[in-house]
């Protein structure tokens, strides 16, 4: 079984487009999401692309949606996120993915 596109703990980026300027704030729309958000961005102009980085906190593989901790928690299409770094602890201690060359070993009780 191949590894999913994104997993909980991965660092990813989402791209937002500036839709409107209101004072020093801008209304933005995230790629892969239908909601509008607002943030302070004094130098952004309408049409600019902004990149926000955050950590994956939930993945729904059935719906193809990923929740990222950026601008609060936002849920976007998995295809619209850009991988920055994979969570590396799984590769060092073993994997939960069936068929991985280093399966996770069961914990042993102490004492």
C-alpha atoms as a PDB file:
ATOM      1  CA  UNK A   1       0.000   0.000   0.000  1.00  0.00           C
ATOM      2  CA  UNK A   2       1.387   3.391  -0.928  1.00  0.00           C
ATOM      3  CA  UNK A   3       1.668   6.234   1.500  1.00  0.00           C
ATOM      4  CA  UNK A   4      -1.145   8.843   1.449  1.00  0.00           C
ATOM      5  CA  UNK A   5      -0.503  12.216  -0.211  1.00  0.00           C
ATOM      6  CA  UNK A   6      -0.530  14.020   3.147  1.00  0.00           C
ATOM      7  CA  UNK A   7      -0.614  12.762   6.712  1.00  0.00           C
ATOM      8  CA  UNK A   8      -1.274  14.311  10.101  1.00  0.00           C
ATOM      9  CA  UNK A   9       1.808  16.236  11.226  1.00  0.00           C
ATOM     10  CA  UNK A  10       3.067  17.074   7.711  1.00  0.00           C
ATOM     11  CA  UNK A  11       4.031  20.708   7.066  1.00  0.00           C
ATOM     12  CA  UNK A  12       2.143  22.026   4.031  1.00  0.00           C
ATOM     13  CA  UNK A  13       1.396  25.303   2.296  1.00  0.00           C
ATOM     14  CA  UNK A  14      -1.932  26.637   1.048  1.00  0.00           C
ATOM     15  CA  UNK A  15      -2.213  29.409  -1.519  1.00  0.00           C
ATOM     16  CA  UNK A  16      -4.688  32.266  -1.116  1.00  0.00           C
ATOM     17  CA  UNK A  17      -5.777  34.926  -3.581  1.00  0.00           C
ATOM     18  CA  UNK A  18      -6.441  38.482  -2.418  1.00  0.00           C
ATOM     19  CA  UNK A  19     -10.035  39.322  -3.353  1.00  0.00           C
ATOM     20  CA  UNK A  20     -10.557  42.744  -1.751  1.00  0.00           C
ATOM     21  CA  UNK A  21      -8.693  45.347   0.301  1.00  0.00           C
ATOM     22  CA  UNK A  22     -10.361  46.951   3.329  1.00  0.00           C
ATOM     23  CA  UNK A  23      -7.995  49.366   5.059  1.00  0.00           C
ATOM     24  CA  UNK A  24      -4.897  47.439   6.159  1.00  0.00           C
ATOM     25  CA  UNK A  25      -6.810  44.125   5.940  1.00  0.00           C
ATOM     26  CA  UNK A  26      -7.446  41.970   2.894  1.00  0.00           C
ATOM     27  CA  UNK A  27     -10.215  39.506   2.116  1.00  0.00           C
ATOM     28  CA  UNK A  28      -8.666  36.297   0.768  1.00  0.00           C
ATOM     29  CA  UNK A  29      -9.959  33.103  -0.802  1.00  0.00           C
ATOM     30  CA  UNK A  30      -8.025  29.876  -0.303  1.00  0.00           C
ATOM     31  CA  UNK A  31      -7.502  27.564  -3.261  1.00  0.00           C
ATOM     32  CA  UNK A  32      -9.658  24.478  -2.696  1.00  0.00           C
ATOM     33  CA  UNK A  33     -12.032  26.191  -0.232  1.00  0.00           C
ATOM     34  CA  UNK A  34     -15.258  28.100  -0.843  1.00  0.00           C
ATOM     35  CA  UNK A  35     -15.043  30.400   2.201  1.00  0.00           C
ATOM     36  CA  UNK A  36     -13.490  33.853   2.382  1.00  0.00           C
ATOM     37  CA  UNK A  37     -11.068  34.824   5.144  1.00  0.00           C
ATOM     38  CA  UNK A  38      -9.552  38.081   6.315  1.00  0.00           C
ATOM     39  CA  UNK A  39      -6.036  38.862   7.441  1.00  0.00           C
ATOM     40  CA  UNK A  40      -3.763  41.863   7.965  1.00  0.00           C
ATOM     41  CA  UNK A  41      -1.480  42.268   4.960  1.00  0.00           C
ATOM     42  CA  UNK A  42      -0.560  45.943   4.443  1.00  0.00           C
ATOM     43  CA  UNK A  43       1.321  45.504   1.146  1.00  0.00           C
ATOM     44  CA  UNK A  44      -0.959  43.039  -0.699  1.00  0.00           C
ATOM     45  CA  UNK A  45      -2.986  44.133  -3.731  1.00  0.00           C
ATOM     46  CA  UNK A  46      -6.113  42.600  -5.251  1.00  0.00           C
ATOM     47  CA  UNK A  47      -5.124  39.546  -7.307  1.00  0.00           C
ATOM     48  CA  UNK A  48      -1.907  38.848  -5.368  1.00  0.00           C
ATOM     49  CA  UNK A  49      -1.203  35.264  -4.301  1.00  0.00           C
ATOM     50  CA  UNK A  50      -0.268  34.716  -0.646  1.00  0.00           C
ATOM     51  CA  UNK A  51       1.308  31.540   0.705  1.00  0.00           C
ATOM     52  CA  UNK A  52       0.417  30.306   4.187  1.00  0.00           C
ATOM     53  CA  UNK A  53       2.248  27.416   5.843  1.00  0.00           C
ATOM     54  CA  UNK A  54       0.839  25.175   8.539  1.00  0.00           C
ATOM     55  CA  UNK A  55       0.576  21.675   9.945  1.00  0.00           C
ATOM     56  CA  UNK A  56      -1.947  19.052   8.838  1.00  0.00           C
ATOM     57  CA  UNK A  57      -4.307  18.223  11.714  1.00  0.00           C
ATOM     58  CA  UNK A  58      -6.872  16.021   9.927  1.00  0.00           C
ATOM     59  CA  UNK A  59      -7.119  14.113   6.641  1.00  0.00           C
ATOM     60  CA  UNK A  60     -10.363  12.768   5.168  1.00  0.00           C
ATOM     61  CA  UNK A  61      -9.224  10.482   2.359  1.00  0.00           C
ATOM     62  CA  UNK A  62     -12.799   9.565   1.353  1.00  0.00           C
ATOM     63  CA  UNK A  63     -13.753  13.193   0.649  1.00  0.00           C
ATOM     64  CA  UNK A  64     -10.255  14.268  -0.459  1.00  0.00           C
ATOM     65  CA  UNK A  65     -10.144  17.069   2.136  1.00  0.00           C
ATOM     66  CA  UNK A  66      -7.344  18.129   4.468  1.00  0.00           C
ATOM     67  CA  UNK A  67      -7.573  20.338   7.565  1.00  0.00           C
ATOM     68  CA  UNK A  68      -4.557  22.591   8.105  1.00  0.00           C
ATOM     69  CA  UNK A  69      -3.695  24.738  11.138  1.00  0.00           C
ATOM     70  CA  UNK A  70      -3.272  28.044   9.312  1.00  0.00           C
ATOM     71  CA  UNK A  71      -5.457  31.152   9.778  1.00  0.00           C
ATOM     72  CA  UNK A  72      -7.094  29.024  12.433  1.00  0.00           C
ATOM     73  CA  UNK A  73      -8.115  25.590  11.181  1.00  0.00           C
ATOM     74  CA  UNK A  74      -9.138  25.517   7.538  1.00  0.00           C
ATOM     75  CA  UNK A  75     -10.280  22.558   5.452  1.00  0.00           C
ATOM     76  CA  UNK A  76      -9.285  22.522   1.787  1.00  0.00           C
ATOM     77  CA  UNK A  77      -9.059  20.030  -1.065  1.00  0.00           C
ATOM     78  CA  UNK A  78      -6.064  17.740  -0.574  1.00  0.00           C
ATOM     79  CA  UNK A  79      -4.953  18.415  -4.163  1.00  0.00           C
ATOM     80  CA  UNK A  80      -4.592  22.134  -3.417  1.00  0.00           C
ATOM     81  CA  UNK A  81      -2.011  21.764  -0.604  1.00  0.00           C
ATOM     82  CA  UNK A  82       1.711  21.847  -1.357  1.00  0.00           C
ATOM     83  CA  UNK A  83       3.966  19.540   0.646  1.00  0.00           C
ATOM     84  CA  UNK A  84       6.825  21.277   2.452  1.00  0.00           C
ATOM     85  CA  UNK A  85       8.125  18.572   4.803  1.00  0.00           C
ATOM     86  CA  UNK A  86       6.808  15.188   5.805  1.00  0.00           C
ATOM     87  CA  UNK A  87       6.411  14.269   9.432  1.00  0.00           C
ATOM     88  CA  UNK A  88       9.693  12.448   9.949  1.00  0.00           C
ATOM     89  CA  UNK A  89       9.135  10.597  13.232  1.00  0.00           C
ATOM     90  CA  UNK A  90       7.226   7.785  11.519  1.00  0.00           C
ATOM     91  CA  UNK A  91      10.220   6.886   9.323  1.00  0.00           C
ATOM     92  CA  UNK A  92      12.566   6.698  12.301  1.00  0.00           C
ATOM     93  CA  UNK A  93      10.520   4.500  14.624  1.00  0.00           C
ATOM     94  CA  UNK A  94       8.410   2.479  12.201  1.00  0.00           C
ATOM     95  CA  UNK A  95       5.290   2.997  10.175  1.00  0.00           C
ATOM     96  CA  UNK A  96       1.556   2.483  10.547  1.00  0.00           C
ATOM     97  CA  UNK A  97       1.289   1.939   6.783  1.00  0.00           C
ATOM     98  CA  UNK A  98       0.713  -1.774   6.017  1.00  0.00           C
ATOM     99  CA  UNK A  99       3.535  -3.283   3.986  1.00  0.00           C
ATOM    100  CA  UNK A 100       6.052  -0.604   5.024  1.00  0.00           C
ATOM    101  CA  UNK A 101       9.580  -2.077   5.266  1.00  0.00           C
ATOM    102  CA  UNK A 102       9.817  -1.038   8.932  1.00  0.00           C
ATOM    103  CA  UNK A 103       6.520  -1.851  10.644  1.00  0.00           C
ATOM    104  CA  UNK A 104       5.821  -0.333  14.020  1.00  0.00           C
ATOM    105  CA  UNK A 105       6.702  -2.696  16.843  1.00  0.00           C
ATOM    106  CA  UNK A 106       4.143  -3.254  19.584  1.00  0.00           C
ATOM    107  CA  UNK A 107       4.924  -1.521  22.901  1.00  0.00           C
ATOM    108  CA  UNK A 108       6.324  -3.628  25.754  1.00  0.00           C
ATOM    109  CA  UNK A 109       5.144  -3.055  29.311  1.00  0.00           C
ATOM    110  CA  UNK A 110       7.632  -1.688  31.823  1.00  0.00           C
ATOM    111  CA  UNK A 111       8.425  -3.445  35.086  1.00  0.00           C
END
